[in-house]
Each structure stands twice: as structure tokens, then as C-alpha cells.
C-alpha atoms as a PDB file:
ATOM      1  CA  MET A   1       0.000   0.000   0.000  1.00  0.00           C
ATOM      2  CA  GLY A   2       2.810   2.383   0.725  1.00  0.00           C
ATOM      3  CA  ASN A   3       4.005   2.026  -2.842  1.00  0.00           C
ATOM      4  CA  ASN A   4       0.608   2.985  -4.292  1.00  0.00           C
ATOM      5  CA  ASP A   5       0.476   6.091  -2.115  1.00  0.00           C
ATOM      6  CA  GLU A   6       3.906   7.165  -3.394  1.00  0.00           C
ATOM      7  CA  VAL A   7       2.801   6.847  -7.045  1.00  0.00           C
ATOM      8  CA  THR A   8      -0.308   8.886  -6.350  1.00  0.00           C
ATOM      9  CA  ARG A   9       1.761  11.570  -4.614  1.00  0.00           C
ATOM     10  CA  ASN A  10       4.123  11.785  -7.646  1.00  0.00           C
ATOM     11  CA  GLU A  11       1.193  12.029 -10.025  1.00  0.00           C
ATOM     12  CA  PHE A  12      -0.363  14.709  -7.842  1.00  0.00           C
ATOM     13  CA  ASP A  13       2.901  16.690  -7.802  1.00  0.00           C
ATOM     14  CA  LYS A  14       3.148  16.389 -11.588  1.00  0.00           C
ATOM     15  CA  PHE A  15      -0.435  17.579 -11.895  1.00  0.00           C
ATOM     16  CA  GLN A  16       0.261  20.596  -9.676  1.00  0.00           C
ATOM     17  CA  SER A  17       3.358  21.420 -11.704  1.00  0.00           C
ATOM     18  CA  HIS A  18       1.415  21.095 -14.948  1.00  0.00           C
ATOM     19  CA  GLN A  19      -1.382  23.254 -13.553  1.00  0.00           C
ATOM     20  CA  ALA A  20       1.124  25.926 -12.530  1.00  0.00           C
ATOM     21  CA  ASP A  21       2.617  25.871 -16.046  1.00  0.00           C
ATOM     22  CA  LEU A  22      -0.846  26.251 -17.572  1.00  0.00           C
ATOM     23  CA  GLU A  23      -1.654  29.198 -15.297  1.00  0.00           C
ATOM     24  CA  LEU A  24       1.643  30.836 -16.247  1.00  0.00           C
ATOM     25  CA  LYS A  25       0.846  30.377 -19.938  1.00  0.00           C
ATOM     26  CA  GLN A  26      -2.630  31.799 -19.317  1.00  0.00           C
ATOM     27  CA  TRP A  27      -1.130  34.942 -17.767  1.00  0.00           C
ATOM     28  CA  GLU A  28       1.320  35.254 -20.669  1.00  0.00           C
ATOM     29  CA  LEU A  29      -1.559  35.007 -23.147  1.00  0.00           C
ATOM     30  CA  ARG A  30      -3.505  37.657 -21.216  1.00  0.00           C
ATOM     31  CA  ASP A  31      -0.481  39.949 -21.322  1.00  0.00           C
ATOM     32  CA  LYS A  32      -0.034  39.381 -25.055  1.00  0.00           C
ATOM     33  CA  SER A  33      -3.731  39.985 -25.646  1.00  0.00           C
ATOM     34  CA  ARG A  34      -3.584  43.237 -23.686  1.00  0.00           C
ATOM     35  CA  ASP A  35      -0.488  44.311 -25.627  1.00  0.00           C
ATOM     36  CA  HIS A  36      -2.223  43.541 -28.908  1.00  0.00           C
ATOM     37  CA  ASP A  37      -5.288  45.511 -27.828  1.00  0.00           C
ATOM     38  CA  GLU A  38      -3.075  48.473 -26.955  1.00  0.00           C
ATOM     39  CA  ALA A  39      -1.324  48.232 -30.325  1.00  0.00           C
ATOM     40  CA  ILE A  40      -4.675  48.121 -32.130  1.00  0.00           C
ATOM     41  CA  ASN A  41      -5.933  51.166 -30.203  1.00  0.00           C
ATOM     42  CA  LEU A  42      -2.699  53.026 -30.939  1.00  0.00           C
ATOM     43  CA  GLY A  43      -3.073  52.181 -34.631  1.00  0.00           C
ATOM     44  CA  LYS A  44      -6.645  53.465 -34.598  1.00  0.00           C
ATOM     45  CA  ARG A  45      -5.553  56.750 -32.993  1.00  0.00           C
ATOM     46  CA  GLU A  46      -2.709  57.177 -35.492  1.00  0.00           C
ATOM     47  CA  ARG A  47      -5.104  56.410 -38.353  1.00  0.00           C
ATOM     48  CA  ALA A  48      -7.525  59.075 -37.096  1.00  0.00           C
ATOM     49  CA  ILE A  49      -4.683  61.613 -36.822  1.00  0.00           C
ATOM     50  CA  LEU A  50      -3.478  60.827 -40.354  1.00  0.00           C
ATOM     51  CA  PHE A  51      -7.038  61.039 -41.683  1.00  0.00           C
ATOM     52  CA  ASN A  52      -7.473  64.496 -40.100  1.00  0.00           C
ATOM     53  CA  GLU A  53      -4.144  65.674 -41.505  1.00  0.00           C
ATOM     54  CA  GLN A  54      -5.109  64.389 -44.942  1.00  0.00           C
ATOM     55  CA  LYS A  55      -8.456  66.178 -44.674  1.00  0.00           C
ATOM     56  CA  GLN A  56      -6.738  69.445 -43.699  1.00  0.00           C
ATOM     57  CA  THR A  57      -4.294  69.104 -46.600  1.00  0.00           C
ATOM     58  CA  LYS A  58      -7.165  68.445 -48.999  1.00  0.00           C
ATOM     59  CA  ASN A  59      -9.040  71.505 -47.722  1.00  0.00           C
ATOM     60  CA  LEU A  60      -5.918  73.657 -48.095  1.00  0.00           C
ATOM     61  CA  PHE A  61      -5.396  72.379 -51.639  1.00  0.00           C
ATOM     62  CA  ASN A  62      -9.054  73.075 -52.509  1.00  0.00           C
ATOM     63  CA  TRP A  63      -8.812  76.642 -51.173  1.00  0.00           C
ATOM     64  CA  THR A  64      -5.588  77.203 -53.115  1.00  0.00           C
ATOM     65  CA  LEU A  65      -7.270  76.046 -56.333  1.00  0.00           C
ATOM     66  CA  LYS A  66     -10.306  78.231 -55.660  1.00  0.00           C
ATOM     67  CA  ILE A  67      -8.139  81.310 -55.106  1.00  0.00           C
ATOM     68  CA  LEU A  68      -6.038  80.553 -58.187  1.00  0.00           C
ATOM     69  CA  PHE A  69      -8.987  80.023 -60.522  1.00  0.00           C
ATOM     70  CA  GLY A  70     -10.882  82.927 -58.972  1.00  0.00           C
ATOM     71  CA  SER A  71      -7.975  85.288 -59.558  1.00  0.00           C
ATOM     72  CA  ILE A  72      -7.570  84.079 -63.162  1.00  0.00           C
ATOM     73  CA  LEU A  73     -11.304  84.486 -63.775  1.00  0.00           C
ATOM     74  CA  GLY A  74     -11.253  87.928 -62.130  1.00  0.00           C
ATOM     75  CA  ALA A  75      -8.322  88.983 -64.298  1.00  0.00           C
ATOM     76  CA  MET A  76     -10.142  87.823 -67.432  1.00  0.00           C
ATOM     77  CA  VAL A  77     -13.310  89.723 -66.453  1.00  0.00           C
ATOM     78  CA  THR A  78     -11.272  92.846 -65.671  1.00  0.00           C
ATOM     79  CA  PHE A  79      -9.485  92.526 -68.989  1.00  0.00           C
ATOM     80  CA  VAL A  80     -12.777  92.322 -70.898  1.00  0.00           C
ATOM     81  CA  VAL A  81     -14.395  95.180 -68.901  1.00  0.00           C
ATOM     82  CA  LYS A  82     -11.417  97.498 -69.434  1.00  0.00           C
ATOM     83  CA  GLY A  83     -11.704  97.102 -73.180  1.00  0.00           C
ATOM     84  CA  GLY A  84      -9.608  94.069 -73.876  1.00  0.00           C
ATOM     85  CA  LEU A  85      -6.538  94.176 -76.065  1.00  0.00           C
ATOM     86  CA  VAL A  86      -6.605  97.421 -78.022  1.00  0.00           C
ATOM     87  CA  LEU A  87      -4.320  97.503 -81.026  1.00  0.00           C
END
């Protein structure tokens, strides 16, 4: 009987060791998952910042085109009103 108790104790110790390893792996996976979530959130924030910068650049470009074409159109209208090219 003493021999059977010793085998059971060894199996129990192995089980506890295996359980501790599994819990350690579980904590590692939780840490990795949290790190991945943080990386995803950081990527989302950076994407939003880049989108806003792109939108501002687009608006600036649109205003530049409007001013350019408006000044060309205004010059043409002024040219026609003043009498055009008189030879």
C-alpha cells in the first residue's frame, strides 16, 4: 500500500506542476492579448490623426485652387471690362 500512495503523490505533484505551467501560460496570453489591444488602439488613434491631416491638406489644396482660378477668372473679367486688347 505504501508504494501505491507514493505513485499517487508523484502524479499529484506532476499535476500541480502542470497546472502551474498552464496558469503561467494563461497569464502570458492575457499579457499578449492586452499588448495587442493596446497596439490596435494606438493604430486606430494614429489612423484618425493621419485622416485628419489628410483632410486638412485636402481643404488647403481646394482653397488654393479656388483662389487661383478665382484670380484668373477675375483677371479675365477685368481685362474684358477694361476694353480688352486694343491695337
